[in-house]
Amino acid sequence: MYDEFDQYITEFSDENSKNDFWYDVGAVKATEILSKFSQQDWEVLFNEISNKTMGWKHSLAYCLDDANNINELRALFMLIDTDDEELIELCVDSLRSFVNEDNKQLILNNTGLIENIRKKVNDSGHATRAVFADFLQRLND
């Protein structure tokens, strides 16, 4: 499954290829492929993630939204450790769906992440600030 997923999102990982098809259809199919991952597929993804292009990482972050899948949360933690502002925003947007009783403490234990988001809130544009503030609020509830 990993190879199928990798090939599929690689087709969309070029910034110029991001279009309505990706957001309307492509990301849904990529998410469906992810839902069929075995633990071995996840391990391959974890081993390969650092070698992928930023566009590929953006596509992956956009597809991670299953709060019941600890592997998806782990992938987001790996992805968010970056200087790429867009990837950070995508990860935080996805992380908002992971804030639940099972995952909340895991997220809060990532103090570097929380502190980084708090610093970025005031320096972000309006839409990004709203995403970051919502994420932090969900953690405080």
Protein backbone atom coordinates (compact mmCIF):
# COMPACT_ATOMS: atom_id res chain seq x y z
CA MET A 1 0.00 0.00 0.00
CA TYR A 2 2.83 2.41 0.77
CA ASP A 3 4.12 2.25 -2.82
CA GLU A 4 0.65 2.96 -4.17
CA PHE A 5 0.24 5.91 -1.80
CA ASP A 6 3.71 7.26 -2.56
CA GLN A 7 3.16 7.08 -6.30
CA TYR A 8 -0.29 8.65 -6.02
CA ILE A 9 0.65 11.70 -3.96
CA THR A 10 3.93 12.15 -5.82
CA GLU A 11 1.80 13.00 -8.85
CA PHE A 12 0.34 15.90 -6.87
CA SER A 13 3.40 16.94 -4.89
CA ASP A 14 4.56 19.59 -7.36
CA GLU A 15 3.21 22.93 -6.16
CA ASN A 16 2.10 23.74 -9.71
CA SER A 17 -0.02 20.59 -9.88
CA LYS A 18 -2.15 21.46 -6.86
CA ASN A 19 -5.55 22.18 -8.25
CA ASP A 20 -9.18 21.68 -7.43
CA PHE A 21 -8.93 18.00 -8.40
CA TRP A 22 -6.44 17.35 -5.59
CA TYR A 23 -8.56 19.10 -2.97
CA ASP A 24 -11.89 17.77 -4.24
CA VAL A 25 -10.97 14.20 -5.23
CA GLY A 26 -7.27 13.42 -4.97
CA ALA A 27 -6.90 13.96 -1.24
CA VAL A 28 -9.95 11.77 -0.60
CA LYS A 29 -8.43 8.90 -2.57
CA ALA A 30 -5.06 9.37 -0.83
CA THR A 31 -6.83 9.26 2.55
CA GLU A 32 -8.58 6.04 1.54
CA ILE A 33 -5.23 4.47 0.64
CA LEU A 34 -3.82 5.54 4.01
CA SER A 35 -6.74 3.88 5.78
CA LYS A 36 -5.60 0.54 4.33
CA PHE A 37 -2.01 0.86 5.58
CA SER A 38 -0.57 -2.00 7.59
CA GLN A 39 1.87 -1.27 10.39
CA GLN A 40 4.66 -2.22 7.99
CA ASP A 41 3.43 0.43 5.51
CA TRP A 42 3.52 3.01 8.27
CA GLU A 43 7.07 2.03 9.21
CA VAL A 44 8.17 2.46 5.59
CA LEU A 45 6.50 5.89 5.53
CA PHE A 46 8.25 6.89 8.76
CA ASN A 47 11.60 5.80 7.33
CA GLU A 48 11.06 7.60 4.02
CA ILE A 49 9.38 10.81 5.15
CA SER A 50 12.57 12.81 5.64
CA ASN A 51 13.64 12.07 2.04
CA LYS A 52 10.45 13.41 0.48
CA THR A 53 9.94 16.77 -1.17
CA MET A 54 8.18 19.56 0.66
CA GLY A 55 5.24 19.25 -1.75
CA TRP A 56 4.90 15.55 -0.90
CA LYS A 57 4.96 16.38 2.80
CA HIS A 58 2.29 19.05 2.28
CA SER A 59 0.10 16.49 0.51
CA LEU A 60 0.58 13.97 3.30
CA ALA A 61 -0.22 16.48 6.04
CA TYR A 62 -3.41 17.45 4.22
CA CYS A 63 -4.55 13.80 4.25
CA LEU A 64 -3.99 13.06 7.94
CA ASP A 65 -7.23 13.36 9.87
CA ASP A 66 -8.02 10.02 11.54
CA ALA A 67 -7.86 10.87 15.24
CA ASN A 68 -8.13 7.17 16.06
CA ASN A 69 -4.92 6.32 14.18
CA ILE A 70 -1.84 6.89 16.32
CA ASN A 71 0.36 6.44 13.25
CA GLU A 72 -1.21 9.50 11.67
CA LEU A 73 -0.51 11.51 14.81
CA ARG A 74 3.09 10.25 14.79
CA ALA A 75 3.44 11.30 11.14
CA LEU A 76 2.16 14.79 11.97
CA PHE A 77 4.68 15.08 14.80
CA MET A 78 7.42 14.17 12.33
CA LEU A 79 6.18 16.59 9.68
CA ILE A 80 5.74 19.58 11.96
CA ASP A 81 9.41 19.58 12.93
CA THR A 82 10.26 21.93 10.05
CA ASP A 83 10.97 25.53 9.15
CA ASP A 84 8.43 25.42 6.32
CA GLU A 85 5.61 27.72 7.46
CA GLU A 86 3.02 26.23 5.12
CA LEU A 87 3.75 22.71 6.34
CA ILE A 88 3.48 23.85 9.96
CA GLU A 89 0.10 25.41 9.21
CA LEU A 90 -1.12 22.26 7.42
CA CYS A 91 0.02 20.10 10.34
CA VAL A 92 -1.67 22.27 12.95
CA ASP A 93 -4.84 22.33 10.89
CA SER A 94 -4.78 18.51 10.79
CA LEU A 95 -3.80 18.25 14.46
CA ARG A 96 -7.00 20.05 15.42
CA SER A 97 -8.94 16.89 14.56
CA PHE A 98 -6.65 14.85 16.83
CA VAL A 99 -7.44 16.73 20.02
CA ASN A 100 -9.51 14.22 21.97
CA GLU A 101 -9.26 12.43 25.30
CA ASP A 102 -6.97 9.74 23.90
CA ASN A 103 -4.51 12.06 22.16
CA LYS A 104 -4.66 15.30 24.11
CA GLN A 105 -1.93 14.39 26.58
CA LEU A 106 0.36 13.12 23.81
CA ILE A 107 0.04 16.48 22.09
CA LEU A 108 0.50 18.45 25.32
CA ASN A 109 3.63 16.43 26.11
CA ASN A 110 5.15 17.81 22.91
CA THR A 111 6.05 21.07 24.67
CA GLY A 112 8.30 22.29 21.85
CA LEU A 113 5.39 22.06 19.45
CA ILE A 114 3.01 23.91 21.76
CA GLU A 115 5.54 26.66 22.50
CA ASN A 116 6.34 27.07 18.80
CA ILE A 117 2.66 27.48 17.95
CA ARG A 118 2.16 30.01 20.74
CA LYS A 119 5.04 32.08 19.36
CA LYS A 120 3.70 31.92 15.82
CA VAL A 121 0.12 32.95 16.66
CA ASN A 122 0.91 36.66 16.89
CA ASP A 123 3.13 36.74 13.80
CA SER A 124 0.70 34.92 11.52
CA GLY A 125 -1.86 36.16 9.06
CA HIS A 126 -5.51 36.25 10.05
CA ALA A 127 -6.49 32.79 8.69
CA THR A 128 -3.39 31.06 10.08
CA ARG A 129 -3.81 32.83 13.42
CA ALA A 130 -7.38 31.51 13.60
CA VAL A 131 -6.20 27.93 12.94
CA PHE A 132 -3.43 28.18 15.55
CA ALA A 133 -5.71 29.81 18.14
CA ASP A 134 -8.39 27.19 17.59
CA PHE A 135 -5.85 24.40 18.04
CA LEU A 136 -4.54 25.90 21.29
CA GLN A 137 -8.10 26.49 22.54
CA ARG A 138 -9.01 22.85 21.90
CA LEU A 139 -6.03 21.80 23.99
CA ASN A 140 -7.17 24.07 26.83
CA ASP A 141 -10.77 22.81 26.86
